[in-house]
């Protein structure tokens, strides 16, 4: 497979008790690890926007992506359009971004 290579993304949404209330996943085009991480956040934020969830904690294991989402690190140009969509969907929602190992 390699990096970049064929990729699969997946994520889940848990309630306050930690119970899974929504899960998603599937293949995407050829991507490197960062692109796959950005695309999974993009899909998750689109879902949150569509169901009007506005108080959310997003956890991710890519420190670069979390830093881009927090605005601590400059987003690479190749992800700019995806991040524009992410930030547009976030709007006034209360979303925090946490790095997990």
Protein backbone atom coordinates (compact mmCIF):
# COMPACT_ATOMS: atom_id res chain seq x y z
CA UNK A 1 0.00 0.00 0.00
CA UNK A 2 2.54 2.65 1.04
CA UNK A 3 2.14 6.32 1.68
CA UNK A 4 0.54 7.67 -0.48
CA UNK A 5 -1.62 4.80 -1.53
CA UNK A 6 -5.18 3.52 -1.56
CA UNK A 7 -6.82 4.75 1.64
CA UNK A 8 -9.80 4.09 3.84
CA UNK A 9 -11.22 6.60 6.31
CA UNK A 10 -13.50 6.09 9.26
CA UNK A 11 -14.85 7.92 12.24
CA UNK A 12 -17.50 7.77 14.90
CA UNK A 13 -19.62 10.03 17.01
CA UNK A 14 -20.12 9.28 20.70
CA UNK A 15 -22.50 10.84 23.18
CA UNK A 16 -21.53 12.13 26.63
CA UNK A 17 -21.59 8.58 28.01
CA UNK A 18 -19.19 7.34 25.34
CA UNK A 19 -21.83 5.35 23.45
CA UNK A 20 -21.46 5.27 19.67
CA UNK A 21 -24.40 7.05 18.03
CA UNK A 22 -23.05 7.26 14.46
CA UNK A 23 -20.17 5.66 12.57
CA UNK A 24 -18.94 6.11 9.04
CA UNK A 25 -16.17 4.85 6.82
CA UNK A 26 -15.17 3.86 3.38
CA UNK A 27 -12.53 4.08 0.70
CA UNK A 28 -11.18 7.34 -0.71
CA UNK A 29 -8.87 7.94 -3.63
CA UNK A 30 -5.14 7.57 -3.28
CA UNK A 31 -4.00 9.71 -0.35
CA UNK A 32 -1.19 10.13 2.11
CA UNK A 33 -1.79 9.89 5.86
CA UNK A 34 -2.42 13.62 6.33
CA UNK A 35 -4.93 13.78 3.50
CA UNK A 36 -6.82 10.78 4.88
CA UNK A 37 -6.95 12.47 8.31
CA UNK A 38 -8.19 15.75 6.81
CA UNK A 39 -10.86 13.94 4.78
CA UNK A 40 -12.21 12.08 7.81
CA UNK A 41 -12.53 15.37 9.73
CA UNK A 42 -14.22 16.92 6.69
CA UNK A 43 -16.80 14.11 6.53
CA UNK A 44 -17.44 14.23 10.27
CA UNK A 45 -17.90 18.01 10.35
CA UNK A 46 -20.30 17.83 7.39
CA UNK A 47 -22.40 15.32 9.33
CA UNK A 48 -22.36 17.44 12.50
CA UNK A 49 -23.46 20.46 10.47
CA UNK A 50 -26.28 18.53 8.78
CA UNK A 51 -27.74 17.30 12.09
CA UNK A 52 -27.20 20.61 13.92
CA UNK A 53 -24.81 19.35 16.57
CA UNK A 54 -22.93 22.38 17.78
CA UNK A 55 -21.11 21.38 20.96
CA UNK A 56 -18.53 18.78 20.00
CA UNK A 57 -15.04 17.55 20.83
CA UNK A 58 -13.11 16.28 17.80
CA UNK A 59 -10.32 13.86 18.66
CA UNK A 60 -7.63 12.89 16.21
CA UNK A 61 -4.29 11.12 16.24
CA UNK A 62 -2.60 13.39 13.69
CA UNK A 63 -0.96 16.24 15.59
CA UNK A 64 -0.46 18.19 12.33
CA UNK A 65 -4.17 18.04 11.46
CA UNK A 66 -5.19 19.03 15.00
CA UNK A 67 -2.80 21.99 14.86
CA UNK A 68 -4.21 23.03 11.48
CA UNK A 69 -7.74 22.84 12.88
CA UNK A 70 -6.77 24.91 15.90
CA UNK A 71 -5.12 27.51 13.67
CA UNK A 72 -1.76 26.99 15.39
CA UNK A 73 -0.05 25.82 12.20
CA UNK A 74 -0.51 27.05 8.61
CA UNK A 75 -2.68 24.72 6.51
CA UNK A 76 -0.82 23.39 3.45
CA UNK A 77 -2.19 24.84 0.23
CA UNK A 78 -3.26 21.41 -1.05
CA UNK A 79 -5.78 21.17 1.82
CA UNK A 80 -6.97 24.78 1.68
CA UNK A 81 -10.31 24.08 -0.04
CA UNK A 82 -11.17 21.25 2.37
CA UNK A 83 -10.34 23.45 5.36
CA UNK A 84 -12.42 26.29 3.90
CA UNK A 85 -15.38 23.90 3.83
CA UNK A 86 -14.64 22.62 7.34
CA UNK A 87 -14.46 26.12 8.82
CA UNK A 88 -17.57 27.19 6.88
CA UNK A 89 -19.53 24.24 8.33
CA UNK A 90 -18.23 24.88 11.85
CA UNK A 91 -19.56 28.45 11.78
CA UNK A 92 -20.49 29.46 15.32
CA UNK A 93 -20.51 25.92 16.72
CA UNK A 94 -18.50 25.17 19.84
CA UNK A 95 -16.01 22.60 18.58
CA UNK A 96 -12.71 21.80 20.26
CA UNK A 97 -9.93 19.78 18.71
CA UNK A 98 -7.91 17.35 20.81
CA UNK A 99 -4.89 15.25 19.94
CA UNK A 100 -5.01 11.65 21.15
CA UNK A 101 -2.18 9.14 20.98
